[in-house]
Amino acid sequence: MKQSSCSMQLANKTDRYVAFKVKTTNPKQYCVRPNIGVVLPGSTCDVTVTMQAQREAPADLQCKDKFLVQSVAAENGAATQDISAAMFNKEPGKVVDECKLRVIYVPTSSPSPFSEDSEQGSSARSLENGTPNSTLPQSVSH
């Protein structure tokens, strides 16, 4: 099973700068770029999740891996280098939004066990936010 990737778009629908951080339950298996960043007011940021190549797909195509996207209001003019782990600490009076996404393997009829876009021919798996019919890419709004 070869390396595969998918993308998600983070949308900032507020008039504040928003810092984000993406965590996963299986960091050795996934590469998230960027895994931290700042989304300017009214704009979006594309995040690419790449799954490392695996020797074989699970027989039942089930996956327990999950992602957590955290976001918090940042100071105006903030940049990626200004982000610290402490910004995402939950404290009284501070709002840290969280969106949990689980990994879903998508079977396909092509030789690759995972598929994102048939026209690109690249392989990937979808992240799903818990609702049966929504798969990424989708916007995570804050």
C-alpha atoms as a PDB file:
ATOM      1  CA  MET A   1       0.000   0.000   0.000  1.00  0.00           C
ATOM      2  CA  LYS A   2       1.605   3.256  -1.082  1.00  0.00           C
ATOM      3  CA  GLN A   3       1.741   6.642   0.564  1.00  0.00           C
ATOM      4  CA  SER A   4      -1.458   8.635   0.152  1.00  0.00           C
ATOM      5  CA  SER A   5      -2.732  12.068   1.030  1.00  0.00           C
ATOM      6  CA  CYS A   6      -5.820  14.226   1.266  1.00  0.00           C
ATOM      7  CA  SER A   7      -6.436  17.865   2.024  1.00  0.00           C
ATOM      8  CA  MET A   8      -8.754  19.864   4.212  1.00  0.00           C
ATOM      9  CA  GLN A   9      -9.503  23.544   4.231  1.00  0.00           C
ATOM     10  CA  LEU A  10      -9.692  25.570   7.423  1.00  0.00           C
ATOM     11  CA  ALA A  11     -11.922  28.636   7.069  1.00  0.00           C
ATOM     12  CA  ASN A  12     -11.829  31.618   9.410  1.00  0.00           C
ATOM     13  CA  LYS A  13     -15.241  33.251   9.269  1.00  0.00           C
ATOM     14  CA  THR A  14     -14.416  35.713  12.065  1.00  0.00           C
ATOM     15  CA  ASP A  15     -12.833  39.167  12.027  1.00  0.00           C
ATOM     16  CA  ARG A  16      -9.974  37.992  14.281  1.00  0.00           C
ATOM     17  CA  TYR A  17      -6.721  36.233  13.562  1.00  0.00           C
ATOM     18  CA  VAL A  18      -7.066  32.537  14.436  1.00  0.00           C
ATOM     19  CA  ALA A  19      -4.195  30.214  15.348  1.00  0.00           C
ATOM     20  CA  PHE A  20      -4.628  26.490  14.708  1.00  0.00           C
ATOM     21  CA  LYS A  21      -2.875  23.271  15.628  1.00  0.00           C
ATOM     22  CA  VAL A  22      -3.515  19.774  14.257  1.00  0.00           C
ATOM     23  CA  LYS A  23      -2.821  16.723  16.423  1.00  0.00           C
ATOM     24  CA  THR A  24      -3.168  13.032  15.631  1.00  0.00           C
ATOM     25  CA  THR A  25      -3.416   9.864  17.690  1.00  0.00           C
ATOM     26  CA  ASN A  26      -0.831   8.246  15.395  1.00  0.00           C
ATOM     27  CA  PRO A  27       1.907  10.826  14.645  1.00  0.00           C
ATOM     28  CA  LYS A  28       4.322   8.253  13.207  1.00  0.00           C
ATOM     29  CA  GLN A  29       1.786   7.301  10.533  1.00  0.00           C
ATOM     30  CA  TYR A  30       0.771  10.784   9.333  1.00  0.00           C
ATOM     31  CA  CYS A  31       2.518  13.924   8.172  1.00  0.00           C
ATOM     32  CA  VAL A  32       0.412  17.094   8.528  1.00  0.00           C
ATOM     33  CA  ARG A  33       1.566  20.211   6.665  1.00  0.00           C
ATOM     34  CA  PRO A  34       1.190  22.753   8.021  1.00  0.00           C
ATOM     35  CA  ASN A  35       0.376  21.322  11.462  1.00  0.00           C
ATOM     36  CA  ILE A  36       0.269  24.799  13.023  1.00  0.00           C
ATOM     37  CA  GLY A  37      -0.519  28.147  11.498  1.00  0.00           C
ATOM     38  CA  VAL A  38      -2.528  31.341  11.491  1.00  0.00           C
ATOM     39  CA  VAL A  39      -5.639  31.929   9.397  1.00  0.00           C
ATOM     40  CA  LEU A  40      -6.298  35.584   8.683  1.00  0.00           C
ATOM     41  CA  PRO A  41      -9.772  37.084   9.148  1.00  0.00           C
ATOM     42  CA  GLY A  42     -12.165  35.958   6.428  1.00  0.00           C
ATOM     43  CA  SER A  43      -9.595  33.738   4.762  1.00  0.00           C
ATOM     44  CA  THR A  44      -8.758  30.041   4.437  1.00  0.00           C
ATOM     45  CA  CYS A  45      -5.785  27.734   4.864  1.00  0.00           C
ATOM     46  CA  ASP A  46      -5.239  24.412   3.110  1.00  0.00           C
ATOM     47  CA  VAL A  47      -3.789  21.589   5.191  1.00  0.00           C
ATOM     48  CA  THR A  48      -2.412  18.409   3.606  1.00  0.00           C
ATOM     49  CA  VAL A  49      -2.458  15.127   5.520  1.00  0.00           C
ATOM     50  CA  THR A  50      -0.160  12.433   4.164  1.00  0.00           C
ATOM     51  CA  MET A  51      -0.384   8.835   5.344  1.00  0.00           C
ATOM     52  CA  GLN A  52       2.885   6.929   5.218  1.00  0.00           C
ATOM     53  CA  ALA A  53       3.030   3.764   3.136  1.00  0.00           C
ATOM     54  CA  GLN A  54       1.822   0.642   4.942  1.00  0.00           C
ATOM     55  CA  ARG A  55       2.736  -2.974   4.294  1.00  0.00           C
ATOM     56  CA  GLU A  56      -0.891  -3.981   3.995  1.00  0.00           C
ATOM     57  CA  ALA A  57      -4.349  -2.548   4.454  1.00  0.00           C
ATOM     58  CA  PRO A  58      -6.447  -3.785   7.375  1.00  0.00           C
ATOM     59  CA  ALA A  59      -8.659  -6.656   6.214  1.00  0.00           C
ATOM     60  CA  ASP A  60     -11.824  -4.875   7.379  1.00  0.00           C
ATOM     61  CA  LEU A  61     -10.617  -1.440   6.158  1.00  0.00           C
ATOM     62  CA  GLN A  62     -11.282  -0.078   9.646  1.00  0.00           C
ATOM     63  CA  CYS A  63      -9.047   2.587  11.148  1.00  0.00           C
ATOM     64  CA  LYS A  64      -9.007   3.935  14.704  1.00  0.00           C
ATOM     65  CA  ASP A  65      -6.732   6.888  13.963  1.00  0.00           C
ATOM     66  CA  LYS A  66      -8.119  10.328  14.741  1.00  0.00           C
ATOM     67  CA  PHE A  67      -7.161  13.949  14.294  1.00  0.00           C
ATOM     68  CA  LEU A  68      -7.895  16.935  16.503  1.00  0.00           C
ATOM     69  CA  VAL A  69      -7.947  20.433  15.030  1.00  0.00           C
ATOM     70  CA  GLN A  70      -7.646  23.066  17.750  1.00  0.00           C
ATOM     71  CA  SER A  71      -8.135  26.764  17.134  1.00  0.00           C
ATOM     72  CA  VAL A  72      -7.876  29.837  19.299  1.00  0.00           C
ATOM     73  CA  ALA A  73      -8.089  33.584  18.764  1.00  0.00           C
ATOM     74  CA  ALA A  74      -4.647  35.119  18.206  1.00  0.00           C
ATOM     75  CA  GLU A  75      -3.359  38.671  18.328  1.00  0.00           C
ATOM     76  CA  ASN A  76      -3.852  40.748  15.210  1.00  0.00           C
ATOM     77  CA  GLY A  77      -0.807  40.433  13.000  1.00  0.00           C
ATOM     78  CA  ALA A  78       0.176  37.077  14.519  1.00  0.00           C
ATOM     79  CA  ALA A  79       2.288  34.770  12.351  1.00  0.00           C
ATOM     80  CA  THR A  80       3.137  31.071  12.526  1.00  0.00           C
ATOM     81  CA  GLN A  81       6.363  31.747  14.438  1.00  0.00           C
ATOM     82  CA  ASP A  82       4.301  33.446  17.178  1.00  0.00           C
ATOM     83  CA  ILE A  83       2.328  30.282  17.948  1.00  0.00           C
ATOM     84  CA  SER A  84       3.195  28.485  21.171  1.00  0.00           C
ATOM     85  CA  ALA A  85       1.819  25.316  22.741  1.00  0.00           C
ATOM     86  CA  ALA A  86       0.587  27.407  25.687  1.00  0.00           C
ATOM     87  CA  MET A  87      -1.857  29.221  23.384  1.00  0.00           C
ATOM     88  CA  PHE A  88      -3.926  26.036  23.233  1.00  0.00           C
ATOM     89  CA  ASN A  89      -4.030  25.418  26.999  1.00  0.00           C
ATOM     90  CA  LYS A  90      -7.565  25.406  28.306  1.00  0.00           C
ATOM     91  CA  GLU A  91      -7.908  28.093  30.946  1.00  0.00           C
ATOM     92  CA  PRO A  92     -10.879  29.877  32.538  1.00  0.00           C
ATOM     93  CA  GLY A  93     -12.234  32.558  30.232  1.00  0.00           C
ATOM     94  CA  LYS A  94     -10.320  31.233  27.221  1.00  0.00           C
ATOM     95  CA  VAL A  95     -12.032  29.543  24.277  1.00  0.00           C
ATOM     96  CA  VAL A  96     -10.170  26.717  22.546  1.00  0.00           C
ATOM     97  CA  ASP A  97     -12.332  25.328  19.752  1.00  0.00           C
ATOM     98  CA  GLU A  98     -11.803  21.671  18.910  1.00  0.00           C
ATOM     99  CA  CYS A  99     -12.928  19.605  15.952  1.00  0.00           C
ATOM    100  CA  LYS A 100     -12.353  15.844  16.029  1.00  0.00           C
ATOM    101  CA  LEU A 101     -11.905  14.004  12.733  1.00  0.00           C
ATOM    102  CA  ARG A 102     -11.584  10.278  12.253  1.00  0.00           C
ATOM    103  CA  VAL A 103      -9.775   8.527   9.445  1.00  0.00           C
ATOM    104  CA  ILE A 104     -11.892   6.552   6.991  1.00  0.00           C
ATOM    105  CA  TYR A 105     -10.317   4.224   4.443  1.00  0.00           C
ATOM    106  CA  VAL A 106     -12.065   4.471   1.091  1.00  0.00           C
ATOM    107  CA  PRO A 107     -12.010   1.268  -0.966  1.00  0.00           C
ATOM    108  CA  THR A 108     -11.797   1.597  -4.721  1.00  0.00           C
ATOM    109  CA  SER A 109     -11.823  -0.689  -7.741  1.00  0.00           C
ATOM    110  CA  SER A 110      -8.410   0.541  -8.915  1.00  0.00           C
ATOM    111  CA  PRO A 111      -5.221  -1.306  -7.885  1.00  0.00           C
ATOM    112  CA  SER A 112      -4.666   1.136  -5.008  1.00  0.00           C
ATOM    113  CA  PRO A 113      -6.801   0.385  -1.913  1.00  0.00           C
ATOM    114  CA  PHE A 114      -7.397   4.095  -1.323  1.00  0.00           C
ATOM    115  CA  SER A 115      -8.716   6.749  -3.636  1.00  0.00           C
ATOM    116  CA  GLU A 116      -9.126  10.504  -3.503  1.00  0.00           C
ATOM    117  CA  ASP A 117      -9.686  11.700  -7.044  1.00  0.00           C
ATOM    118  CA  SER A 118     -10.051   9.349  -9.973  1.00  0.00           C
ATOM    119  CA  GLU A 119      -8.882  12.065 -12.360  1.00  0.00           C
ATOM    120  CA  GLN A 120      -5.647  12.577 -10.428  1.00  0.00           C
ATOM    121  CA  GLY A 121      -5.064   8.894  -9.881  1.00  0.00           C
ATOM    122  CA  SER A 122      -3.602   9.645  -6.467  1.00  0.00           C
ATOM    123  CA  SER A 123      -4.505   7.540  -3.489  1.00  0.00           C
ATOM    124  CA  ALA A 124      -5.808   8.856  -0.204  1.00  0.00           C
ATOM    125  CA  ARG A 125      -8.240   8.315   2.585  1.00  0.00           C
ATOM    126  CA  SER A 126     -10.900  10.639   3.812  1.00  0.00           C
ATOM    127  CA  LEU A 127     -11.204  12.215   7.203  1.00  0.00           C
ATOM    128  CA  GLU A 128     -14.701  12.273   8.569  1.00  0.00           C
ATOM    129  CA  ASN A 129     -16.030  14.456  11.349  1.00  0.00           C
ATOM    130  CA  GLY A 130     -18.485  11.925  12.728  1.00  0.00           C
ATOM    131  CA  THR A 131     -21.437  12.565  10.429  1.00  0.00           C
ATOM    132  CA  PRO A 132     -21.892   9.645   8.063  1.00  0.00           C
ATOM    133  CA  ASN A 133     -22.222  11.636   4.850  1.00  0.00           C
ATOM    134  CA  SER A 134     -19.521  14.289   5.222  1.00  0.00           C
ATOM    135  CA  THR A 135     -16.006  13.591   4.036  1.00  0.00           C
ATOM    136  CA  LEU A 136     -13.130  15.972   3.573  1.00  0.00           C
ATOM    137  CA  PRO A 137     -12.118  18.126   1.922  1.00  0.00           C
ATOM    138  CA  GLN A 138     -14.529  20.269   3.872  1.00  0.00           C
ATOM    139  CA  SER A 139     -14.290  23.534   5.742  1.00  0.00           C
ATOM    140  CA  VAL A 140     -13.723  23.585   9.454  1.00  0.00           C
ATOM    141  CA  SER A 141     -15.282  26.889  10.445  1.00  0.00           C
ATOM    142  CA  HIS A 142     -14.437  28.992  13.468  1.00  0.00           C
END
